[in-house]
């Protein structure tokens, strides 16, 4: 399959662009607060306005995650979550018609088997993988498996990436490009990064794919700011935080995650496009 809007993820970004706005991309780790609770939360995010969903595969050595996501992933692992549960989560969310990708460190995929993982993800209706610690030059097995099934390959670019590295990365992507505009670990922040706009411009110079930005957005005002220059606003830690804050009240957690999603969706709709 060719790159771009031929994928379900690409079409979601196209639909948002046609509406004059950025897409809202929401993340939660599978199995948090438990498998069924995570599915309910992700479906609530879809209902309240997420255009694309990222399902995290909990991992025991999450070197790029901040403390909020690490806490949730650890709880999921202690609850016994397995790769099969991640795939079941993908299947349940993808059934809504919303593009659903897995965000994962590479080691669990290698352990599971690259071909097997790609096929099982495809069979679950998953759209593809986001691989934060895998670069295209070390990904020939995944690229071949994804290309054989038309799965999205979402690699990351960062402010420290050279122009040559950005061009190599975007050439290997399908679906969208993930621009991580925070140097260091992930996490919600009170202000957005001044590195993001220039990184998006440098990335767009190399590709026609949508560029989604993840930099710790936690509210609609920040979402509107990022939506003014990015094709997608990626939110993770803020969603995890509201579930952690309501760990003892499942209904309150779902209400809070719906309210946060609605606020973020209003933000991406209100961002004045550059």
C-alpha atoms as a PDB file:
ATOM      1  CA  UNK A   1       0.000   0.000   0.000  1.00  0.00           C
ATOM      2  CA  UNK A   2       1.173   3.538  -0.613  1.00  0.00           C
ATOM      3  CA  UNK A   3       1.722   6.069   2.144  1.00  0.00           C
ATOM      4  CA  UNK A   4      -0.812   8.651   3.140  1.00  0.00           C
ATOM      5  CA  UNK A   5      -4.565   8.826   3.266  1.00  0.00           C
ATOM      6  CA  UNK A   6      -5.121   5.314   1.926  1.00  0.00           C
ATOM      7  CA  UNK A   7      -5.065   4.133   5.557  1.00  0.00           C
ATOM      8  CA  UNK A   8      -7.860   4.526   8.080  1.00  0.00           C
ATOM      9  CA  UNK A   9      -5.622   6.770  10.177  1.00  0.00           C
ATOM     10  CA  UNK A  10      -4.851   8.951   7.184  1.00  0.00           C
ATOM     11  CA  UNK A  11      -8.558   9.276   6.437  1.00  0.00           C
ATOM     12  CA  UNK A  12      -9.254  10.387  10.012  1.00  0.00           C
ATOM     13  CA  UNK A  13      -6.694  13.174   9.635  1.00  0.00           C
ATOM     14  CA  UNK A  14      -8.171  14.072   6.239  1.00  0.00           C
ATOM     15  CA  UNK A  15     -11.662  14.302   7.725  1.00  0.00           C
ATOM     16  CA  UNK A  16     -10.434  16.612  10.474  1.00  0.00           C
ATOM     17  CA  UNK A  17      -8.589  18.775   7.945  1.00  0.00           C
ATOM     18  CA  UNK A  18     -11.728  19.014   5.816  1.00  0.00           C
ATOM     19  CA  UNK A  19     -13.484  20.361   8.917  1.00  0.00           C
ATOM     20  CA  UNK A  20     -10.772  22.995   9.313  1.00  0.00           C
ATOM     21  CA  UNK A  21      -9.253  21.529  12.459  1.00  0.00           C
ATOM     22  CA  UNK A  22      -6.542  19.261  13.796  1.00  0.00           C
ATOM     23  CA  UNK A  23      -7.275  15.663  14.793  1.00  0.00           C
ATOM     24  CA  UNK A  24      -7.399  14.694  18.470  1.00  0.00           C
ATOM     25  CA  UNK A  25      -5.313  11.606  19.235  1.00  0.00           C
ATOM     26  CA  UNK A  26      -5.860  10.014  22.642  1.00  0.00           C
ATOM     27  CA  UNK A  27      -3.684   7.489  24.483  1.00  0.00           C
ATOM     28  CA  UNK A  28      -4.227   5.063  27.362  1.00  0.00           C
ATOM     29  CA  UNK A  29      -2.292   1.936  28.299  1.00  0.00           C
ATOM     30  CA  UNK A  30      -4.262  -1.292  27.930  1.00  0.00           C
ATOM     31  CA  UNK A  31      -5.246  -2.979  31.170  1.00  0.00           C
ATOM     32  CA  UNK A  32      -5.632   0.238  33.159  1.00  0.00           C
ATOM     33  CA  UNK A  33      -7.424   0.375  35.515  1.00  0.00           C
ATOM     34  CA  UNK A  34      -8.114  -3.168  34.267  1.00  0.00           C
ATOM     35  CA  UNK A  35      -8.776  -4.547  30.792  1.00  0.00           C
ATOM     36  CA  UNK A  36     -12.528  -3.907  30.716  1.00  0.00           C
ATOM     37  CA  UNK A  37     -12.135  -0.579  32.496  1.00  0.00           C
ATOM     38  CA  UNK A  38      -9.555   0.518  29.964  1.00  0.00           C
ATOM     39  CA  UNK A  39     -11.827  -0.431  27.082  1.00  0.00           C
ATOM     40  CA  UNK A  40     -14.686   1.531  28.645  1.00  0.00           C
ATOM     41  CA  UNK A  41     -12.441   4.579  29.089  1.00  0.00           C
ATOM     42  CA  UNK A  42     -11.134   4.438  25.520  1.00  0.00           C
ATOM     43  CA  UNK A  43     -14.636   4.098  24.119  1.00  0.00           C
ATOM     44  CA  UNK A  44     -15.707   7.082  26.232  1.00  0.00           C
ATOM     45  CA  UNK A  45     -12.831   9.047  24.655  1.00  0.00           C
ATOM     46  CA  UNK A  46     -14.088   8.061  21.200  1.00  0.00           C
ATOM     47  CA  UNK A  47     -17.646   9.083  22.062  1.00  0.00           C
ATOM     48  CA  UNK A  48     -16.476  12.454  23.386  1.00  0.00           C
ATOM     49  CA  UNK A  49     -14.381  13.404  20.365  1.00  0.00           C
ATOM     50  CA  UNK A  50     -11.102  11.490  19.880  1.00  0.00           C
ATOM     51  CA  UNK A  51     -10.406  10.951  16.173  1.00  0.00           C
ATOM     52  CA  UNK A  52      -7.585   8.417  16.616  1.00  0.00           C
ATOM     53  CA  UNK A  53      -6.755   6.145  19.558  1.00  0.00           C
ATOM     54  CA  UNK A  54      -3.375   4.911  20.756  1.00  0.00           C
ATOM     55  CA  UNK A  55      -3.423   1.806  22.964  1.00  0.00           C
ATOM     56  CA  UNK A  56      -0.284   1.475  25.023  1.00  0.00           C
ATOM     57  CA  UNK A  57       1.319  -1.931  25.520  1.00  0.00           C
ATOM     58  CA  UNK A  58       2.485  -1.890  29.169  1.00  0.00           C
ATOM     59  CA  UNK A  59       6.191  -2.640  29.477  1.00  0.00           C
ATOM     60  CA  UNK A  60       8.416  -3.257  32.475  1.00  0.00           C
ATOM     61  CA  UNK A  61      11.178  -0.854  31.399  1.00  0.00           C
ATOM     62  CA  UNK A  62       9.411   2.254  30.047  1.00  0.00           C
ATOM     63  CA  UNK A  63      12.462   4.487  29.722  1.00  0.00           C
ATOM     64  CA  UNK A  64      10.701   7.189  27.672  1.00  0.00           C
ATOM     65  CA  UNK A  65       7.525   7.440  29.766  1.00  0.00           C
ATOM     66  CA  UNK A  66       6.964   9.946  32.527  1.00  0.00           C
ATOM     67  CA  UNK A  67       5.823   8.999  36.029  1.00  0.00           C
ATOM     68  CA  UNK A  68       2.091   9.207  35.303  1.00  0.00           C
ATOM     69  CA  UNK A  69       2.130   6.705  32.438  1.00  0.00           C
ATOM     70  CA  UNK A  70       4.705   4.568  34.250  1.00  0.00           C
ATOM     71  CA  UNK A  71       2.343   4.368  37.250  1.00  0.00           C
ATOM     72  CA  UNK A  72      -0.598   3.274  35.095  1.00  0.00           C
ATOM     73  CA  UNK A  73       1.479   0.760  33.131  1.00  0.00           C
ATOM     74  CA  UNK A  74       2.851  -0.728  36.337  1.00  0.00           C
ATOM     75  CA  UNK A  75      -0.677  -1.136  37.714  1.00  0.00           C
ATOM     76  CA  UNK A  76      -1.692  -2.856  34.476  1.00  0.00           C
ATOM     77  CA  UNK A  77       1.282  -5.226  34.693  1.00  0.00           C
ATOM     78  CA  UNK A  78       0.543  -5.995  38.339  1.00  0.00           C
ATOM     79  CA  UNK A  79      -3.018  -6.746  37.250  1.00  0.00           C
ATOM     80  CA  UNK A  80      -1.655  -9.401  34.899  1.00  0.00           C
ATOM     81  CA  UNK A  81      -2.211  -7.668  31.543  1.00  0.00           C
ATOM     82  CA  UNK A  82      -0.804  -9.604  28.591  1.00  0.00           C
ATOM     83  CA  UNK A  83      -0.307  -8.873  24.896  1.00  0.00           C
ATOM     84  CA  UNK A  84      -3.524 -10.783  24.204  1.00  0.00           C
ATOM     85  CA  UNK A  85      -5.346  -8.239  26.404  1.00  0.00           C
ATOM     86  CA  UNK A  86      -3.798  -5.395  24.429  1.00  0.00           C
ATOM     87  CA  UNK A  87      -5.077  -6.944  21.204  1.00  0.00           C
ATOM     88  CA  UNK A  88      -8.527  -7.472  22.749  1.00  0.00           C
ATOM     89  CA  UNK A  89      -8.544  -3.799  23.703  1.00  0.00           C
ATOM     90  CA  UNK A  90      -7.613  -2.818  20.157  1.00  0.00           C
ATOM     91  CA  UNK A  91     -10.385  -4.992  18.751  1.00  0.00           C
ATOM     92  CA  UNK A  92     -13.015  -3.470  21.065  1.00  0.00           C
ATOM     93  CA  UNK A  93     -12.011   0.109  20.272  1.00  0.00           C
ATOM     94  CA  UNK A  94     -11.467  -0.434  16.534  1.00  0.00           C
ATOM     95  CA  UNK A  95     -15.012  -1.826  16.375  1.00  0.00           C
ATOM     96  CA  UNK A  96     -16.206   1.780  16.858  1.00  0.00           C
ATOM     97  CA  UNK A  97     -14.728   2.637  13.470  1.00  0.00           C
ATOM     98  CA  UNK A  98     -12.019   4.803  15.033  1.00  0.00           C
ATOM     99  CA  UNK A  99      -8.450   4.109  13.857  1.00  0.00           C
ATOM    100  CA  UNK A 100      -6.722   2.323  16.731  1.00  0.00           C
ATOM    101  CA  UNK A 101      -2.949   1.955  16.886  1.00  0.00           C
ATOM    102  CA  UNK A 102      -0.713   0.237  19.407  1.00  0.00           C
ATOM    103  CA  UNK A 103       2.069   2.303  20.938  1.00  0.00           C
ATOM    104  CA  UNK A 104       4.802   0.007  22.133  1.00  0.00           C
ATOM    105  CA  UNK A 105       8.443  -0.384  22.896  1.00  0.00           C
ATOM    106  CA  UNK A 106      10.028  -2.800  20.476  1.00  0.00           C
ATOM    107  CA  UNK A 107      11.147  -5.550  22.846  1.00  0.00           C
ATOM    108  CA  UNK A 108       7.633  -6.939  23.533  1.00  0.00           C
ATOM    109  CA  UNK A 109       6.936  -7.169  19.790  1.00  0.00           C
ATOM    110  CA  UNK A 110      10.189  -9.030  19.196  1.00  0.00           C
ATOM    111  CA  UNK A 111       9.389 -11.402  22.050  1.00  0.00           C
ATOM    112  CA  UNK A 112       5.901 -12.056  20.681  1.00  0.00           C
ATOM    113  CA  UNK A 113       7.216 -12.482  17.133  1.00  0.00           C
ATOM    114  CA  UNK A 114       7.100  -9.665  14.590  1.00  0.00           C
ATOM    115  CA  UNK A 115       5.110 -11.534  11.926  1.00  0.00           C
ATOM    116  CA  UNK A 116       2.750 -12.993  14.524  1.00  0.00           C
ATOM    117  CA  UNK A 117       2.204  -9.587  16.159  1.00  0.00           C
ATOM    118  CA  UNK A 118       1.548  -7.907  12.807  1.00  0.00           C
ATOM    119  CA  UNK A 119      -0.972 -10.569  11.816  1.00  0.00           C
ATOM    120  CA  UNK A 120      -2.746 -10.575  15.182  1.00  0.00           C
ATOM    121  CA  UNK A 121      -2.909  -6.759  15.148  1.00  0.00           C
ATOM    122  CA  UNK A 122      -4.326  -6.849  11.633  1.00  0.00           C
ATOM    123  CA  UNK A 123      -6.859  -9.512  12.618  1.00  0.00           C
ATOM    124  CA  UNK A 124      -7.965  -7.360  15.575  1.00  0.00           C
ATOM    125  CA  UNK A 125      -8.705  -4.454  13.245  1.00  0.00           C
ATOM    126  CA  UNK A 126      -5.724  -2.437  14.439  1.00  0.00           C
ATOM    127  CA  UNK A 127      -4.451   0.371  12.229  1.00  0.00           C
ATOM    128  CA  UNK A 128      -0.744  -0.009  12.936  1.00  0.00           C
ATOM    129  CA  UNK A 129       2.085   0.621  15.393  1.00  0.00           C
ATOM    130  CA  UNK A 130       3.745   3.640  16.950  1.00  0.00           C
ATOM    131  CA  UNK A 131       7.284   2.601  17.895  1.00  0.00           C
ATOM    132  CA  UNK A 132       9.031   5.241  20.037  1.00  0.00           C
ATOM    133  CA  UNK A 133      12.295   3.337  20.499  1.00  0.00           C
ATOM    134  CA  UNK A 134      12.535   1.846  17.001  1.00  0.00           C
ATOM    135  CA  UNK A 135      13.963   3.833  14.112  1.00  0.00           C
ATOM    136  CA  UNK A 136      13.373   2.952  10.456  1.00  0.00           C
ATOM    137  CA  UNK A 137      16.997   1.963   9.836  1.00  0.00           C
ATOM    138  CA  UNK A 138      16.648  -0.765  12.484  1.00  0.00           C
ATOM    139  CA  UNK A 139      13.126  -1.797  11.481  1.00  0.00           C
ATOM    140  CA  UNK A 140      13.339  -3.856   8.259  1.00  0.00           C
ATOM    141  CA  UNK A 141      11.409  -6.803   9.730  1.00  0.00           C
ATOM    142  CA  UNK A 142       8.580  -4.590  11.008  1.00  0.00           C
ATOM    143  CA  UNK A 143       8.470  -2.534   7.817  1.00  0.00           C
ATOM    144  CA  UNK A 144       8.116  -5.698   5.720  1.00  0.00           C
ATOM    145  CA  UNK A 145       5.421  -7.149   7.990  1.00  0.00           C
ATOM    146  CA  UNK A 146       3.499  -3.862   8.055  1.00  0.00           C
ATOM    147  CA  UNK A 147       3.748  -3.321   4.306  1.00  0.00           C
ATOM    148  CA  UNK A 148       2.440  -6.830   3.655  1.00  0.00           C
ATOM    149  CA  UNK A 149      -0.711  -5.977   5.628  1.00  0.00           C
ATOM    150  CA  UNK A 150      -1.130  -2.255   4.983  1.00  0.00           C
ATOM    151  CA  UNK A 151      -0.523  -1.404   8.636  1.00  0.00           C
ATOM    152  CA  UNK A 152       0.549   2.090   9.622  1.00  0.00           C
ATOM    153  CA  UNK A 153       4.193   2.604  10.568  1.00  0.00           C
ATOM    154  CA  UNK A 154       4.465   5.639  12.833  1.00  0.00           C
ATOM    155  CA  UNK A 155       8.015   6.622  13.703  1.00  0.00           C
ATOM    156  CA  UNK A 156       9.092   9.570  15.839  1.00  0.00           C
ATOM    157  CA  UNK A 157      10.981  12.757  15.059  1.00  0.00           C
ATOM    158  CA  UNK A 158      12.343  15.084  17.744  1.00  0.00           C
ATOM    159  CA  UNK A 159      13.849  18.578  17.976  1.00  0.00           C
ATOM    160  CA  UNK A 160      17.292  16.951  18.112  1.00  0.00           C
ATOM    161  CA  UNK A 161      16.732  15.107  14.805  1.00  0.00           C
ATOM    162  CA  UNK A 162      18.845  16.302  11.897  1.00  0.00           C
ATOM    163  CA  UNK A 163      17.088  17.270   8.671  1.00  0.00           C
ATOM    164  CA  UNK A 164      18.503  14.116   7.072  1.00  0.00           C
ATOM    165  CA  UNK A 165      17.173  11.951   9.907  1.00  0.00           C
ATOM    166  CA  UNK A 166      13.742  13.595   9.670  1.00  0.00           C
ATOM    167  CA  UNK A 167      13.626  12.929   5.908  1.00  0.00           C
ATOM    168  CA  UNK A 168      14.645   9.286   6.392  1.00  0.00           C
ATOM    169  CA  UNK A 169      12.045   8.843   9.134  1.00  0.00           C
ATOM    170  CA  UNK A 170       9.116  10.432   7.331  1.00  0.00           C
ATOM    171  CA  UNK A 171       9.911   8.452   4.169  1.00  0.00           C
ATOM    172  CA  UNK A 172       9.350   5.257   6.188  1.00  0.00           C
ATOM    173  CA  UNK A 173       6.140   6.411   7.899  1.00  0.00           C
ATOM    174  CA  UNK A 174       2.588   5.576   6.897  1.00  0.00           C
ATOM    175  CA  UNK A 175      -0.527   7.044   8.530  1.00  0.00           C
ATOM    176  CA  UNK A 176       1.130  10.035  10.185  1.00  0.00           C
ATOM    177  CA  UNK A 177       4.420  11.246  11.638  1.00  0.00           C
ATOM    178  CA  UNK A 178       4.763  11.562  15.413  1.00  0.00           C
ATOM    179  CA  UNK A 179       6.619  14.734  16.398  1.00  0.00           C
ATOM    180  CA  UNK A 180       7.674  14.530  20.021  1.00  0.00           C
ATOM    181  CA  UNK A 181       8.444  18.109  20.943  1.00  0.00           C
ATOM    182  CA  UNK A 182       9.535  17.521  24.526  1.00  0.00           C
ATOM    183  CA  UNK A 183      13.115  16.604  25.223  1.00  0.00           C
ATOM    184  CA  UNK A 184      13.117  13.918  27.904  1.00  0.00           C
ATOM    185  CA  UNK A 185      10.310  11.789  29.304  1.00  0.00           C
ATOM    186  CA  UNK A 186       6.620  12.280  28.609  1.00  0.00           C
ATOM    187  CA  UNK A 187       4.131  13.985  30.898  1.00  0.00           C
ATOM    188  CA  UNK A 188       1.471  16.683  31.109  1.00  0.00           C
ATOM    189  CA  UNK A 189       2.889  20.194  31.336  1.00  0.00           C
ATOM    190  CA  UNK A 190       1.501  23.568  32.297  1.00  0.00           C
ATOM    191  CA  UNK A 191       2.968  25.254  29.223  1.00  0.00           C
ATOM    192  CA  UNK A 192       3.575  23.953  25.726  1.00  0.00           C
ATOM    193  CA  UNK A 193       6.972  23.758  24.096  1.00  0.00           C
ATOM    194  CA  UNK A 194       8.453  26.415  21.822  1.00  0.00           C
ATOM    195  CA  UNK A 195      10.297  23.621  20.032  1.00  0.00           C
ATOM    196  CA  UNK A 196       7.154  22.141  18.493  1.00  0.00           C
ATOM    197  CA  UNK A 197       6.336  24.677  15.785  1.00  0.00           C
ATOM    198  CA  UNK A 198       9.802  24.636  14.193  1.00  0.00           C
ATOM    199  CA  UNK A 199       9.902  20.826  14.374  1.00  0.00           C
ATOM    200  CA  UNK A 200       6.554  20.573  12.558  1.00  0.00           C
ATOM    201  CA  UNK A 201       7.797  22.969   9.860  1.00  0.00           C
ATOM    202  CA  UNK A 202      10.993  20.954   9.379  1.00  0.00           C
ATOM    203  CA  UNK A 203       8.995  17.723   9.210  1.00  0.00           C
ATOM    204  CA  UNK A 204       6.473  19.105   6.719  1.00  0.00           C
ATOM    205  CA  UNK A 205       9.333  20.083   4.442  1.00  0.00           C
ATOM    206  CA  UNK A 206       9.984  16.362   3.909  1.00  0.00           C
ATOM    207  CA  UNK A 207       6.505  14.809   3.653  1.00  0.00           C
ATOM    208  CA  UNK A 208       2.840  15.267   2.799  1.00  0.00           C
ATOM    209  CA  UNK A 209       1.822  12.985   5.683  1.00  0.00           C
ATOM    210  CA  UNK A 210      -0.033  14.532   8.627  1.00  0.00           C
ATOM    211  CA  UNK A 211       2.166  15.527  11.553  1.00  0.00           C
ATOM    212  CA  UNK A 212       0.865  14.844  15.044  1.00  0.00           C
ATOM    213  CA  UNK A 213       2.467  16.546  18.022  1.00  0.00           C
ATOM    214  CA  UNK A 214       2.890  15.106  21.498  1.00  0.00           C
ATOM    215  CA  UNK A 215       4.235  17.493  24.115  1.00  0.00           C
ATOM    216  CA  UNK A 216       2.233  17.130  27.309  1.00  0.00           C
ATOM    217  CA  UNK A 217      -1.024  18.891  26.395  1.00  0.00           C
ATOM    218  CA  UNK A 218      -3.438  18.753  29.327  1.00  0.00           C
ATOM    219  CA  UNK A 219      -6.329  21.098  28.483  1.00  0.00           C
ATOM    220  CA  UNK A 220      -8.307  22.662  25.673  1.00  0.00           C
ATOM    221  CA  UNK A 221      -6.392  25.925  25.660  1.00  0.00           C
ATOM    222  CA  UNK A 222      -3.102  24.113  25.095  1.00  0.00           C
ATOM    223  CA  UNK A 223      -4.761  21.869  22.517  1.00  0.00           C
ATOM    224  CA  UNK A 224      -5.912  24.925  20.565  1.00  0.00           C
ATOM    225  CA  UNK A 225      -2.372  26.321  20.591  1.00  0.00           C
ATOM    226  CA  UNK A 226      -0.868  23.118  19.201  1.00  0.00           C
ATOM    227  CA  UNK A 227      -3.752  22.699  16.736  1.00  0.00           C
ATOM    228  CA  UNK A 228      -2.851  26.042  15.182  1.00  0.00           C
ATOM    229  CA  UNK A 229       0.268  24.530  13.584  1.00  0.00           C
ATOM    230  CA  UNK A 230      -0.039  20.713  13.833  1.00  0.00           C
ATOM    231  CA  UNK A 231      -2.278  18.239  12.007  1.00  0.00           C
ATOM    232  CA  UNK A 232      -2.874  16.256  15.184  1.00  0.00           C
ATOM    233  CA  UNK A 233      -2.754  16.913  18.921  1.00  0.00           C
ATOM    234  CA  UNK A 234      -1.625  13.827  20.858  1.00  0.00           C
ATOM    235  CA  UNK A 235      -2.676  13.565  24.497  1.00  0.00           C
ATOM    236  CA  UNK A 236      -1.684  10.772  26.886  1.00  0.00           C
ATOM    237  CA  UNK A 237      -0.636  11.678  30.410  1.00  0.00           C
ATOM    238  CA  UNK A 238      -3.616  13.961  31.015  1.00  0.00           C
ATOM    239  CA  UNK A 239      -6.045  11.104  30.245  1.00  0.00           C
ATOM    240  CA  UNK A 240      -4.121   8.735  32.489  1.00  0.00           C
ATOM    241  CA  UNK A 241      -4.066  11.314  35.293  1.00  0.00           C
ATOM    242  CA  UNK A 242      -7.851  11.698  35.475  1.00  0.00           C
ATOM    243  CA  UNK A 243      -8.237   7.926  35.788  1.00  0.00           C
ATOM    244  CA  UNK A 244      -5.561   7.791  38.487  1.00  0.00           C
ATOM    245  CA  UNK A 245      -7.275  10.639  40.332  1.00  0.00           C
ATOM    246  CA  UNK A 246     -10.546   8.702  40.280  1.00  0.00           C
ATOM    247  CA  UNK A 247      -9.114   5.251  40.926  1.00  0.00           C
ATOM    248  CA  UNK A 248     -11.674   4.508  43.646  1.00  0.00           C
ATOM    249  CA  UNK A 249     -14.716   5.553  41.616  1.00  0.00           C
ATOM    250  CA  UNK A 250     -15.004   4.011  38.153  1.00  0.00           C
ATOM    251  CA  UNK A 251     -18.067   6.045  37.158  1.00  0.00           C
ATOM    252  CA  UNK A 252     -16.418   9.302  38.205  1.00  0.00           C
ATOM    253  CA  UNK A 253     -13.328   8.358  36.215  1.00  0.00           C
ATOM    254  CA  UNK A 254     -15.353   7.793  33.058  1.00  0.00           C
ATOM    255  CA  UNK A 255     -17.206  11.075  33.556  1.00  0.00           C
ATOM    256  CA  UNK A 256     -13.916  12.902  34.060  1.00  0.00           C
ATOM    257  CA  UNK A 257     -12.283  11.373  30.990  1.00  0.00           C
ATOM    258  CA  UNK A 258     -15.333  12.276  28.876  1.00  0.00           C
ATOM    259  CA  UNK A 259     -15.215  15.862  30.151  1.00  0.00           C
ATOM    260  CA  UNK A 260     -11.480  16.150  29.446  1.00  0.00           C
ATOM    261  CA  UNK A 261     -11.937  14.738  25.939  1.00  0.00           C
ATOM    262  CA  UNK A 262     -14.741  17.204  25.219  1.00  0.00           C
ATOM    263  CA  UNK A 263     -12.543  20.098  26.413  1.00  0.00           C
ATOM    264  CA  UNK A 264      -9.642  18.942  24.244  1.00  0.00           C
ATOM    265  CA  UNK A 265     -11.925  18.372  21.239  1.00  0.00           C
ATOM    266  CA  UNK A 266     -13.273  21.901  21.639  1.00  0.00           C
ATOM    267  CA  UNK A 267      -9.685  23.103  21.748  1.00  0.00           C
ATOM    268  CA  UNK A 268      -8.591  21.394  18.535  1.00  0.00           C
ATOM    269  CA  UNK A 269     -11.747  22.692  16.836  1.00  0.00           C
ATOM    270  CA  UNK A 270     -10.972  26.238  17.991  1.00  0.00           C
ATOM    271  CA  UNK A 271      -7.315  26.338  17.044  1.00  0.00           C
ATOM    272  CA  UNK A 272      -6.751  28.975  14.360  1.00  0.00           C
ATOM    273  CA  UNK A 273      -5.019  27.085  11.573  1.00  0.00           C
ATOM    274  CA  UNK A 274      -1.708  28.524  10.453  1.00  0.00           C
END
